[in-house]
């Protein structure tokens, strides 16, 4: 068995000797490469190794960006002032790096204005094309017509 590790003279040892060396140092003998000829083992503190590995994974996970989805709700007959107000909010959300979920909610009989709702969402997509790109075109799901806009990557 080939033995490696800190405070260990690297070399090829019989398995019993390798175990004895690890026990003398109060550490564990961990087989690294069992298929190698001869197999490779390392003298180390296995619990400490697992702890550090978890710590590294946690740090990587913390650095990963979390996707925030902000929502904007319209009615099928939203007038210009309300539209502009909500469009400005949407622009702010996209500049902050959040995804935008814009939807038109059809209440009661207003479902007959499906085309107006779609026109409204497409107009929003066109107005926000400089700060975001459409991820999903308007799609009717029940009483909602939904569209997703993702922020554009700035260099």
Protein backbone atom coordinates (compact mmCIF):
# COMPACT_ATOMS: atom_id res chain seq x y z
CA UNK A 1 0.00 0.00 0.00
CA UNK A 2 1.36 3.44 -0.98
CA UNK A 3 1.13 5.81 1.97
CA UNK A 4 0.82 9.62 1.70
CA UNK A 5 -0.09 12.39 4.11
CA UNK A 6 1.32 15.07 6.39
CA UNK A 7 4.03 14.02 8.88
CA UNK A 8 4.38 10.69 7.06
CA UNK A 9 7.31 9.45 5.05
CA UNK A 10 5.82 8.66 1.66
CA UNK A 11 6.46 5.18 0.44
CA UNK A 12 5.11 1.69 0.04
CA UNK A 13 4.23 -0.10 3.30
CA UNK A 14 2.42 -3.31 4.22
CA UNK A 15 -1.19 -2.60 5.24
CA UNK A 16 -0.57 -3.49 8.92
CA UNK A 17 2.33 -1.04 9.13
CA UNK A 18 0.26 1.70 7.48
CA UNK A 19 -2.52 1.19 10.03
CA UNK A 20 0.02 1.22 12.87
CA UNK A 21 1.57 4.51 11.60
CA UNK A 22 -1.89 6.12 11.47
CA UNK A 23 -2.77 4.91 15.00
CA UNK A 24 0.53 6.20 16.40
CA UNK A 25 -0.35 9.69 15.15
CA UNK A 26 -3.94 9.39 16.39
CA UNK A 27 -5.29 9.82 12.85
CA UNK A 28 -7.29 7.74 10.39
CA UNK A 29 -6.04 5.75 7.41
CA UNK A 30 -8.25 6.65 4.44
CA UNK A 31 -8.05 4.72 1.19
CA UNK A 32 -7.92 7.29 -1.63
CA UNK A 33 -7.38 5.21 -4.75
CA UNK A 34 -8.23 1.54 -4.27
CA UNK A 35 -7.80 0.64 -7.96
CA UNK A 36 -4.23 1.94 -8.22
CA UNK A 37 -1.33 -0.48 -8.17
CA UNK A 38 -0.45 -0.50 -5.24
CA UNK A 39 -3.57 1.08 -3.59
CA UNK A 40 -3.06 4.60 -2.23
CA UNK A 41 -4.02 5.55 1.34
CA UNK A 42 -3.68 8.82 3.21
CA UNK A 43 -3.13 9.44 6.90
CA UNK A 44 -5.53 12.21 7.97
CA UNK A 45 -8.20 13.24 10.46
CA UNK A 46 -11.29 12.06 8.58
CA UNK A 47 -13.84 13.94 10.74
CA UNK A 48 -11.94 17.19 10.20
CA UNK A 49 -11.83 16.46 6.46
CA UNK A 50 -15.63 15.96 6.34
CA UNK A 51 -16.18 19.13 8.38
CA UNK A 52 -14.04 21.23 6.04
CA UNK A 53 -15.73 19.73 2.99
CA UNK A 54 -19.17 20.68 4.35
CA UNK A 55 -17.89 24.16 5.16
CA UNK A 56 -16.61 24.59 1.59
CA UNK A 57 -19.92 23.42 0.10
CA UNK A 58 -21.81 25.81 2.34
CA UNK A 59 -19.61 28.73 1.23
CA UNK A 60 -20.16 27.85 -2.42
CA UNK A 61 -23.90 27.63 -1.85
CA UNK A 62 -23.91 31.04 -0.12
CA UNK A 63 -22.11 32.63 -3.07
CA UNK A 64 -24.65 31.26 -5.55
CA UNK A 65 -27.07 33.98 -6.56
CA UNK A 66 -30.66 33.55 -5.51
CA UNK A 67 -33.26 34.42 -8.10
CA UNK A 68 -35.86 36.87 -6.84
CA UNK A 69 -39.17 37.05 -8.71
CA UNK A 70 -41.17 40.27 -8.41
CA UNK A 71 -44.77 40.43 -9.57
CA UNK A 72 -46.76 43.17 -11.27
CA UNK A 73 -50.52 42.77 -11.65
CA UNK A 74 -52.62 44.46 -14.29
CA UNK A 75 -56.30 44.43 -15.09
CA UNK A 76 -57.37 44.05 -18.73
CA UNK A 77 -58.50 47.70 -18.85
CA UNK A 78 -55.55 49.31 -17.02
CA UNK A 79 -55.36 52.99 -18.01
CA UNK A 80 -52.19 54.81 -19.12
CA UNK A 81 -51.23 56.40 -15.80
CA UNK A 82 -51.47 53.10 -13.88
CA UNK A 83 -49.63 51.33 -16.69
CA UNK A 84 -46.76 53.86 -16.59
CA UNK A 85 -46.57 53.62 -12.79
CA UNK A 86 -46.34 49.82 -12.86
CA UNK A 87 -43.95 49.85 -15.83
CA UNK A 88 -41.56 52.08 -13.87
CA UNK A 89 -41.71 49.65 -10.93
CA UNK A 90 -40.98 46.78 -13.31
CA UNK A 91 -38.00 48.65 -14.74
CA UNK A 92 -36.66 49.24 -11.22
CA UNK A 93 -37.05 45.54 -10.35
CA UNK A 94 -35.19 44.46 -13.49
CA UNK A 95 -32.35 46.92 -12.83
CA UNK A 96 -31.99 45.43 -9.32
CA UNK A 97 -31.48 42.03 -10.96
CA UNK A 98 -34.84 40.45 -10.09
CA UNK A 99 -36.98 38.54 -12.57
CA UNK A 100 -40.33 40.10 -13.36
CA UNK A 101 -43.61 38.21 -13.51
CA UNK A 102 -46.22 40.41 -15.11
CA UNK A 103 -49.77 39.15 -15.26
CA UNK A 104 -53.21 40.34 -16.24
CA UNK A 105 -55.94 39.09 -13.93
CA UNK A 106 -59.35 38.62 -15.51
CA UNK A 107 -62.20 39.01 -13.00
CA UNK A 108 -65.69 37.77 -13.78
CA UNK A 109 -66.72 38.48 -17.36
CA UNK A 110 -63.58 40.48 -18.15
CA UNK A 111 -62.17 37.24 -19.64
CA UNK A 112 -63.71 38.44 -22.93
CA UNK A 113 -60.90 41.03 -23.08
CA UNK A 114 -58.15 38.38 -23.50
CA UNK A 115 -56.76 40.18 -26.54
CA UNK A 116 -56.52 43.46 -24.60
CA UNK A 117 -54.61 41.69 -21.83
CA UNK A 118 -52.17 40.20 -24.33
CA UNK A 119 -51.67 43.57 -26.04
CA UNK A 120 -50.98 45.13 -22.62
CA UNK A 121 -48.31 42.53 -21.77
CA UNK A 122 -46.67 42.76 -25.20
CA UNK A 123 -46.58 46.55 -24.85
CA UNK A 124 -44.88 46.12 -21.45
CA UNK A 125 -42.32 43.73 -22.99
CA UNK A 126 -41.61 46.25 -25.74
CA UNK A 127 -41.24 49.13 -23.28
CA UNK A 128 -38.85 47.13 -21.07
CA UNK A 129 -36.74 45.56 -23.84
CA UNK A 130 -33.75 47.81 -23.05
CA UNK A 131 -33.51 46.49 -19.44
CA UNK A 132 -34.90 42.96 -19.79
CA UNK A 133 -35.67 40.19 -22.23
CA UNK A 134 -38.86 38.14 -22.41
CA UNK A 135 -38.35 34.68 -20.97
CA UNK A 136 -41.89 33.45 -21.55
CA UNK A 137 -44.40 35.04 -23.90
CA UNK A 138 -47.91 35.83 -22.56
CA UNK A 139 -49.74 32.60 -21.75
CA UNK A 140 -53.28 32.23 -20.46
CA UNK A 141 -53.62 29.97 -17.42
CA UNK A 142 -57.13 29.95 -16.00
CA UNK A 143 -58.04 33.57 -15.20
CA UNK A 144 -54.47 34.85 -15.50
CA UNK A 145 -52.36 35.73 -18.50
CA UNK A 146 -48.72 35.51 -17.38
CA UNK A 147 -45.44 36.67 -18.88
CA UNK A 148 -41.89 36.42 -17.48
CA UNK A 149 -39.14 38.97 -18.13
CA UNK A 150 -35.54 38.34 -17.07
CA UNK A 151 -33.00 41.14 -16.53
CA UNK A 152 -30.41 41.68 -19.25
CA UNK A 153 -26.84 40.93 -18.25
CA UNK A 154 -24.88 44.17 -17.93
CA UNK A 155 -21.17 44.14 -18.70
